[in-house]
């Protein structure tokens, strides 16, 4: 299943799911990854491709943020909320375990990634070599090394993909583009990345612009 790139306007709502996103945006990417894994029929509206700006989202989303998802009359504009909604809307395959404690662990991992790593994405996307970019690259490399043992403790990217995998994989895909070098102590993260990148769902979630990040 592939996502359909739609030329729908922001004024016209389609029946079913529409995702307003960017071609090279890490938060958009992780939602697309979930949509592919769920085999959810989706219309994509690429903001940058259609000469629209985030201001055009104002009628849907008071924060004008990307990604924004509509499902008939429902509008969601927080990517973590969107992913959990999709997991409930399309329960197979599940991305959160049935056990409440295990679900909470996955959500805490996703929260930590959001708070500690995803907040660095706008700085790293700037691609400069100023103090802010150097500090962000070092911080992300150091923190990935610190949590590397988790990739042995938890079943990341095994047959049962989880929400945590969908959160971290798009970020790891961008490390070479962001010039973030993993230390030898984080070798298991590199191996993990290769496993999850090889998944059919991950490959289908990539836009042409995102494929170029590793070319």
C-alpha atoms as a PDB file:
ATOM      1  CA  UNK A   1       0.000   0.000   0.000  1.00  0.00           C
ATOM      2  CA  UNK A   2       1.274   3.461  -0.917  1.00  0.00           C
ATOM      3  CA  UNK A   3       0.095   6.842   0.227  1.00  0.00           C
ATOM      4  CA  UNK A   4      -1.700   8.848  -2.439  1.00  0.00           C
ATOM      5  CA  UNK A   5      -0.406  12.367  -2.978  1.00  0.00           C
ATOM      6  CA  UNK A   6      -3.518  14.485  -3.245  1.00  0.00           C
ATOM      7  CA  UNK A   7      -4.034  17.820  -4.928  1.00  0.00           C
ATOM      8  CA  UNK A   8      -7.001  18.540  -2.672  1.00  0.00           C
ATOM      9  CA  UNK A   9      -7.211  22.054  -1.319  1.00  0.00           C
ATOM     10  CA  UNK A  10      -7.331  22.846   2.355  1.00  0.00           C
ATOM     11  CA  UNK A  11     -10.892  24.052   1.910  1.00  0.00           C
ATOM     12  CA  UNK A  12     -12.277  20.809   0.512  1.00  0.00           C
ATOM     13  CA  UNK A  13     -12.433  17.966   3.028  1.00  0.00           C
ATOM     14  CA  UNK A  14     -12.238  14.440   1.669  1.00  0.00           C
ATOM     15  CA  UNK A  15     -14.005  11.475   3.147  1.00  0.00           C
ATOM     16  CA  UNK A  16     -11.468   9.413   5.040  1.00  0.00           C
ATOM     17  CA  UNK A  17      -7.990  10.434   6.137  1.00  0.00           C
ATOM     18  CA  UNK A  18      -6.042  13.373   4.759  1.00  0.00           C
ATOM     19  CA  UNK A  19      -2.568  14.182   6.048  1.00  0.00           C
ATOM     20  CA  UNK A  20      -1.141  17.666   5.532  1.00  0.00           C
ATOM     21  CA  UNK A  21       2.620  17.337   5.737  1.00  0.00           C
ATOM     22  CA  UNK A  22       5.981  18.255   4.265  1.00  0.00           C
ATOM     23  CA  UNK A  23       8.204  16.153   2.040  1.00  0.00           C
ATOM     24  CA  UNK A  24      11.186  16.436   4.362  1.00  0.00           C
ATOM     25  CA  UNK A  25       9.943  16.831   7.907  1.00  0.00           C
ATOM     26  CA  UNK A  26      10.796  14.325  10.605  1.00  0.00           C
ATOM     27  CA  UNK A  27       7.452  14.639  12.391  1.00  0.00           C
ATOM     28  CA  UNK A  28       5.521  14.189   9.157  1.00  0.00           C
ATOM     29  CA  UNK A  29       7.679  11.172   8.360  1.00  0.00           C
ATOM     30  CA  UNK A  30       6.821   9.306  11.532  1.00  0.00           C
ATOM     31  CA  UNK A  31       3.088   9.755  10.925  1.00  0.00           C
ATOM     32  CA  UNK A  32       3.488   8.496   7.353  1.00  0.00           C
ATOM     33  CA  UNK A  33       5.356   5.465   8.716  1.00  0.00           C
ATOM     34  CA  UNK A  34       2.409   4.632  10.979  1.00  0.00           C
ATOM     35  CA  UNK A  35      -0.081   5.118   8.145  1.00  0.00           C
ATOM     36  CA  UNK A  36       1.863   2.719   5.910  1.00  0.00           C
ATOM     37  CA  UNK A  37       2.216   0.094   8.639  1.00  0.00           C
ATOM     38  CA  UNK A  38      -1.538   0.346   9.262  1.00  0.00           C
ATOM     39  CA  UNK A  39      -2.310   0.137   5.530  1.00  0.00           C
ATOM     40  CA  UNK A  40      -4.640   3.098   6.055  1.00  0.00           C
ATOM     41  CA  UNK A  41      -5.958   4.651   2.809  1.00  0.00           C
ATOM     42  CA  UNK A  42      -4.671   8.204   2.958  1.00  0.00           C
ATOM     43  CA  UNK A  43      -4.549  11.335   0.839  1.00  0.00           C
ATOM     44  CA  UNK A  44      -1.352  13.332   1.320  1.00  0.00           C
ATOM     45  CA  UNK A  45      -1.333  17.071   0.836  1.00  0.00           C
ATOM     46  CA  UNK A  46       2.303  18.150   0.563  1.00  0.00           C
ATOM     47  CA  UNK A  47       2.391  21.729   1.767  1.00  0.00           C
ATOM     48  CA  UNK A  48       5.705  22.560   0.077  1.00  0.00           C
ATOM     49  CA  UNK A  49       4.756  20.855  -3.189  1.00  0.00           C
ATOM     50  CA  UNK A  50       1.405  22.653  -3.580  1.00  0.00           C
ATOM     51  CA  UNK A  51       2.756  26.156  -2.917  1.00  0.00           C
ATOM     52  CA  UNK A  52       0.732  26.318   0.283  1.00  0.00           C
ATOM     53  CA  UNK A  53       2.109  27.662   3.531  1.00  0.00           C
ATOM     54  CA  UNK A  54       1.411  26.700   7.092  1.00  0.00           C
ATOM     55  CA  UNK A  55      -0.712  29.849   7.325  1.00  0.00           C
ATOM     56  CA  UNK A  56      -3.159  28.132   4.974  1.00  0.00           C
ATOM     57  CA  UNK A  57      -3.818  25.631   7.762  1.00  0.00           C
ATOM     58  CA  UNK A  58      -5.357  28.267   9.993  1.00  0.00           C
ATOM     59  CA  UNK A  59      -8.904  27.130   9.233  1.00  0.00           C
ATOM     60  CA  UNK A  60      -8.026  23.627  10.409  1.00  0.00           C
ATOM     61  CA  UNK A  61      -5.306  24.095  12.976  1.00  0.00           C
ATOM     62  CA  UNK A  62      -4.934  27.156  15.244  1.00  0.00           C
ATOM     63  CA  UNK A  63      -1.207  26.416  15.601  1.00  0.00           C
ATOM     64  CA  UNK A  64      -0.653  26.091  11.818  1.00  0.00           C
ATOM     65  CA  UNK A  65       1.634  23.157  12.540  1.00  0.00           C
ATOM     66  CA  UNK A  66       2.743  20.220  10.445  1.00  0.00           C
ATOM     67  CA  UNK A  67       1.612  17.450  10.357  1.00  0.00           C
ATOM     68  CA  UNK A  68      -2.143  17.965  10.541  1.00  0.00           C
ATOM     69  CA  UNK A  69      -4.548  15.080  10.008  1.00  0.00           C
ATOM     70  CA  UNK A  70      -8.228  15.145   9.168  1.00  0.00           C
ATOM     71  CA  UNK A  71     -10.550  12.148   9.318  1.00  0.00           C
ATOM     72  CA  UNK A  72     -13.938  13.354   8.120  1.00  0.00           C
ATOM     73  CA  UNK A  73     -14.869  16.021  10.708  1.00  0.00           C
ATOM     74  CA  UNK A  74     -12.049  15.194  13.108  1.00  0.00           C
ATOM     75  CA  UNK A  75      -8.928  17.383  13.006  1.00  0.00           C
ATOM     76  CA  UNK A  76      -5.731  16.422  14.865  1.00  0.00           C
ATOM     77  CA  UNK A  77      -2.509  18.440  14.934  1.00  0.00           C
ATOM     78  CA  UNK A  78      -0.189  16.858  17.463  1.00  0.00           C
ATOM     79  CA  UNK A  79       1.848  14.076  15.864  1.00  0.00           C
ATOM     80  CA  UNK A  80       1.952  11.924  19.001  1.00  0.00           C
ATOM     81  CA  UNK A  81      -1.824  12.230  19.367  1.00  0.00           C
ATOM     82  CA  UNK A  82      -2.205  11.458  15.653  1.00  0.00           C
ATOM     83  CA  UNK A  83      -0.130   8.274  15.911  1.00  0.00           C
ATOM     84  CA  UNK A  84      -2.026   6.988  18.942  1.00  0.00           C
ATOM     85  CA  UNK A  85      -5.332   7.803  17.258  1.00  0.00           C
ATOM     86  CA  UNK A  86      -4.294   5.817  14.180  1.00  0.00           C
ATOM     87  CA  UNK A  87      -3.284   2.893  16.369  1.00  0.00           C
ATOM     88  CA  UNK A  88      -6.792   2.814  17.834  1.00  0.00           C
ATOM     89  CA  UNK A  89      -8.555   3.633  14.562  1.00  0.00           C
ATOM     90  CA  UNK A  90      -6.748   0.766  12.793  1.00  0.00           C
ATOM     91  CA  UNK A  91      -6.087  -1.768  15.568  1.00  0.00           C
ATOM     92  CA  UNK A  92      -4.190  -4.285  13.413  1.00  0.00           C
ATOM     93  CA  UNK A  93      -1.289  -4.557  13.625  1.00  0.00           C
ATOM     94  CA  UNK A  94      -1.145  -2.950  17.085  1.00  0.00           C
ATOM     95  CA  UNK A  95       1.694  -0.552  17.844  1.00  0.00           C
ATOM     96  CA  UNK A  96       1.029  -0.515  21.580  1.00  0.00           C
ATOM     97  CA  UNK A  97       0.969  -3.714  23.667  1.00  0.00           C
ATOM     98  CA  UNK A  98      -2.145  -4.890  25.482  1.00  0.00           C
ATOM     99  CA  UNK A  99      -0.507  -4.760  28.914  1.00  0.00           C
ATOM    100  CA  UNK A 100      -1.018  -1.312  30.549  1.00  0.00           C
ATOM    101  CA  UNK A 101       2.469  -1.234  32.077  1.00  0.00           C
ATOM    102  CA  UNK A 102       4.120  -2.073  28.753  1.00  0.00           C
ATOM    103  CA  UNK A 103       1.986   0.550  26.990  1.00  0.00           C
ATOM    104  CA  UNK A 104       3.107   3.115  29.533  1.00  0.00           C
ATOM    105  CA  UNK A 105       6.767   2.188  28.961  1.00  0.00           C
ATOM    106  CA  UNK A 106       6.425   2.680  25.207  1.00  0.00           C
ATOM    107  CA  UNK A 107       4.696   6.025  25.730  1.00  0.00           C
ATOM    108  CA  UNK A 108       7.438   7.154  28.104  1.00  0.00           C
ATOM    109  CA  UNK A 109      10.100   6.222  25.555  1.00  0.00           C
ATOM    110  CA  UNK A 110       8.242   8.189  22.894  1.00  0.00           C
ATOM    111  CA  UNK A 111       7.899  11.132  25.290  1.00  0.00           C
ATOM    112  CA  UNK A 112      11.620  11.133  26.041  1.00  0.00           C
ATOM    113  CA  UNK A 113      12.472  11.078  22.338  1.00  0.00           C
ATOM    114  CA  UNK A 114      10.119  13.986  21.746  1.00  0.00           C
ATOM    115  CA  UNK A 115      11.397  16.073  24.636  1.00  0.00           C
ATOM    116  CA  UNK A 116      15.122  15.378  24.331  1.00  0.00           C
ATOM    117  CA  UNK A 117      15.722  14.680  20.632  1.00  0.00           C
ATOM    118  CA  UNK A 118      12.925  15.926  18.413  1.00  0.00           C
ATOM    119  CA  UNK A 119      13.273  19.409  19.843  1.00  0.00           C
ATOM    120  CA  UNK A 120      16.751  19.444  18.255  1.00  0.00           C
ATOM    121  CA  UNK A 121      15.411  18.755  14.752  1.00  0.00           C
ATOM    122  CA  UNK A 122      14.790  22.405  13.714  1.00  0.00           C
ATOM    123  CA  UNK A 123      18.351  23.319  14.748  1.00  0.00           C
ATOM    124  CA  UNK A 124      19.841  20.341  12.918  1.00  0.00           C
ATOM    125  CA  UNK A 125      17.725  20.947   9.828  1.00  0.00           C
ATOM    126  CA  UNK A 126      19.374  24.363   9.529  1.00  0.00           C
ATOM    127  CA  UNK A 127      22.533  22.488   8.451  1.00  0.00           C
ATOM    128  CA  UNK A 128      24.886  25.225   9.556  1.00  0.00           C
ATOM    129  CA  UNK A 129      28.075  24.878  11.554  1.00  0.00           C
ATOM    130  CA  UNK A 130      27.380  27.448  14.191  1.00  0.00           C
ATOM    131  CA  UNK A 131      27.541  26.940  17.914  1.00  0.00           C
ATOM    132  CA  UNK A 132      23.884  25.902  18.107  1.00  0.00           C
ATOM    133  CA  UNK A 133      24.283  23.217  15.431  1.00  0.00           C
ATOM    134  CA  UNK A 134      27.497  21.836  16.935  1.00  0.00           C
ATOM    135  CA  UNK A 135      25.921  21.688  20.390  1.00  0.00           C
ATOM    136  CA  UNK A 136      22.811  19.967  19.020  1.00  0.00           C
ATOM    137  CA  UNK A 137      24.872  17.348  17.152  1.00  0.00           C
ATOM    138  CA  UNK A 138      26.925  16.595  20.255  1.00  0.00           C
ATOM    139  CA  UNK A 139      23.856  16.435  22.490  1.00  0.00           C
ATOM    140  CA  UNK A 140      22.049  13.992  20.193  1.00  0.00           C
ATOM    141  CA  UNK A 141      25.127  11.792  19.746  1.00  0.00           C
ATOM    142  CA  UNK A 142      25.836  11.697  23.485  1.00  0.00           C
ATOM    143  CA  UNK A 143      22.243  10.942  24.442  1.00  0.00           C
ATOM    144  CA  UNK A 144      21.857   8.199  21.851  1.00  0.00           C
ATOM    145  CA  UNK A 145      25.005   6.612  23.236  1.00  0.00           C
ATOM    146  CA  UNK A 146      23.606   6.886  26.752  1.00  0.00           C
ATOM    147  CA  UNK A 147      20.406   5.039  25.859  1.00  0.00           C
ATOM    148  CA  UNK A 148      22.066   2.493  23.553  1.00  0.00           C
ATOM    149  CA  UNK A 149      21.622  -0.338  26.141  1.00  0.00           C
ATOM    150  CA  UNK A 150      17.850   0.043  25.758  1.00  0.00           C
ATOM    151  CA  UNK A 151      18.153  -1.317  22.251  1.00  0.00           C
ATOM    152  CA  UNK A 152      19.262  -4.616  23.740  1.00  0.00           C
ATOM    153  CA  UNK A 153      16.783  -4.573  26.608  1.00  0.00           C
ATOM    154  CA  UNK A 154      13.681  -3.805  24.524  1.00  0.00           C
ATOM    155  CA  UNK A 155      12.472  -5.582  21.402  1.00  0.00           C
ATOM    156  CA  UNK A 156      12.963  -2.748  18.967  1.00  0.00           C
ATOM    157  CA  UNK A 157      12.199  -3.496  15.309  1.00  0.00           C
ATOM    158  CA  UNK A 158      11.397  -7.130  15.780  1.00  0.00           C
ATOM    159  CA  UNK A 159       8.313  -8.666  14.211  1.00  0.00           C
ATOM    160  CA  UNK A 160       6.116  -6.625  16.577  1.00  0.00           C
ATOM    161  CA  UNK A 161       6.800  -3.039  15.590  1.00  0.00           C
ATOM    162  CA  UNK A 162       5.908  -0.541  18.301  1.00  0.00           C
ATOM    163  CA  UNK A 163       5.104   3.140  18.441  1.00  0.00           C
ATOM    164  CA  UNK A 164       8.622   3.744  19.785  1.00  0.00           C
ATOM    165  CA  UNK A 165      10.092   2.303  16.572  1.00  0.00           C
ATOM    166  CA  UNK A 166       7.908   4.611  14.489  1.00  0.00           C
ATOM    167  CA  UNK A 167       9.134   7.585  16.515  1.00  0.00           C
ATOM    168  CA  UNK A 168      12.852   6.891  16.486  1.00  0.00           C
ATOM    169  CA  UNK A 169      13.397   5.450  12.990  1.00  0.00           C
ATOM    170  CA  UNK A 170      12.747   8.679  11.028  1.00  0.00           C
ATOM    171  CA  UNK A 171      15.133  10.506  13.351  1.00  0.00           C
ATOM    172  CA  UNK A 172      17.888   7.907  12.911  1.00  0.00           C
ATOM    173  CA  UNK A 173      17.426   8.046   9.142  1.00  0.00           C
ATOM    174  CA  UNK A 174      18.448  11.709   9.242  1.00  0.00           C
ATOM    175  CA  UNK A 175      21.641  11.341  11.292  1.00  0.00           C
ATOM    176  CA  UNK A 176      24.050  11.399   8.298  1.00  0.00           C
ATOM    177  CA  UNK A 177      22.239  14.413   6.828  1.00  0.00           C
ATOM    178  CA  UNK A 178      22.457  16.171  10.187  1.00  0.00           C
ATOM    179  CA  UNK A 179      26.148  15.157  10.463  1.00  0.00           C
ATOM    180  CA  UNK A 180      25.538  13.387  13.751  1.00  0.00           C
ATOM    181  CA  UNK A 181      28.140  10.671  14.306  1.00  0.00           C
ATOM    182  CA  UNK A 182      27.312   7.776  16.600  1.00  0.00           C
ATOM    183  CA  UNK A 183      30.081   6.696  18.961  1.00  0.00           C
ATOM    184  CA  UNK A 184      31.334   3.072  18.935  1.00  0.00           C
ATOM    185  CA  UNK A 185      29.369   2.421  22.132  1.00  0.00           C
ATOM    186  CA  UNK A 186      26.190   2.981  20.118  1.00  0.00           C
ATOM    187  CA  UNK A 187      26.956   0.330  17.495  1.00  0.00           C
ATOM    188  CA  UNK A 188      23.783  -1.575  18.349  1.00  0.00           C
ATOM    189  CA  UNK A 189      21.740   1.509  17.381  1.00  0.00           C
ATOM    190  CA  UNK A 190      23.332   1.418  13.931  1.00  0.00           C
ATOM    191  CA  UNK A 191      22.416  -2.248  13.596  1.00  0.00           C
ATOM    192  CA  UNK A 192      18.907  -1.490  14.769  1.00  0.00           C
ATOM    193  CA  UNK A 193      18.615   1.289  12.213  1.00  0.00           C
ATOM    194  CA  UNK A 194      19.575  -0.991   9.350  1.00  0.00           C
ATOM    195  CA  UNK A 195      16.926  -3.509  10.434  1.00  0.00           C
ATOM    196  CA  UNK A 196      14.117  -1.005  10.632  1.00  0.00           C
ATOM    197  CA  UNK A 197      15.165   0.827   7.461  1.00  0.00           C
ATOM    198  CA  UNK A 198      14.915  -2.469   5.584  1.00  0.00           C
ATOM    199  CA  UNK A 199      11.251  -2.854   6.490  1.00  0.00           C
ATOM    200  CA  UNK A 200       8.933  -2.532   3.522  1.00  0.00           C
ATOM    201  CA  UNK A 201       6.740  -0.132   5.471  1.00  0.00           C
ATOM    202  CA  UNK A 202       9.623   2.199   6.246  1.00  0.00           C
ATOM    203  CA  UNK A 203      10.807   2.221   2.652  1.00  0.00           C
ATOM    204  CA  UNK A 204       7.317   3.077   1.430  1.00  0.00           C
ATOM    205  CA  UNK A 205       7.041   5.877   3.978  1.00  0.00           C
ATOM    206  CA  UNK A 206      10.003   7.738   2.457  1.00  0.00           C
ATOM    207  CA  UNK A 207       9.361  10.627   0.105  1.00  0.00           C
ATOM    208  CA  UNK A 208      11.789  11.270  -2.779  1.00  0.00           C
ATOM    209  CA  UNK A 209      13.279  14.149  -0.788  1.00  0.00           C
ATOM    210  CA  UNK A 210      13.860  11.898   2.219  1.00  0.00           C
ATOM    211  CA  UNK A 211      15.519   9.225   0.118  1.00  0.00           C
ATOM    212  CA  UNK A 212      18.072  11.824  -0.959  1.00  0.00           C
ATOM    213  CA  UNK A 213      19.104  12.377   2.663  1.00  0.00           C
ATOM    214  CA  UNK A 214      21.177   9.193   2.468  1.00  0.00           C
ATOM    215  CA  UNK A 215      22.245   9.356  -1.163  1.00  0.00           C
END
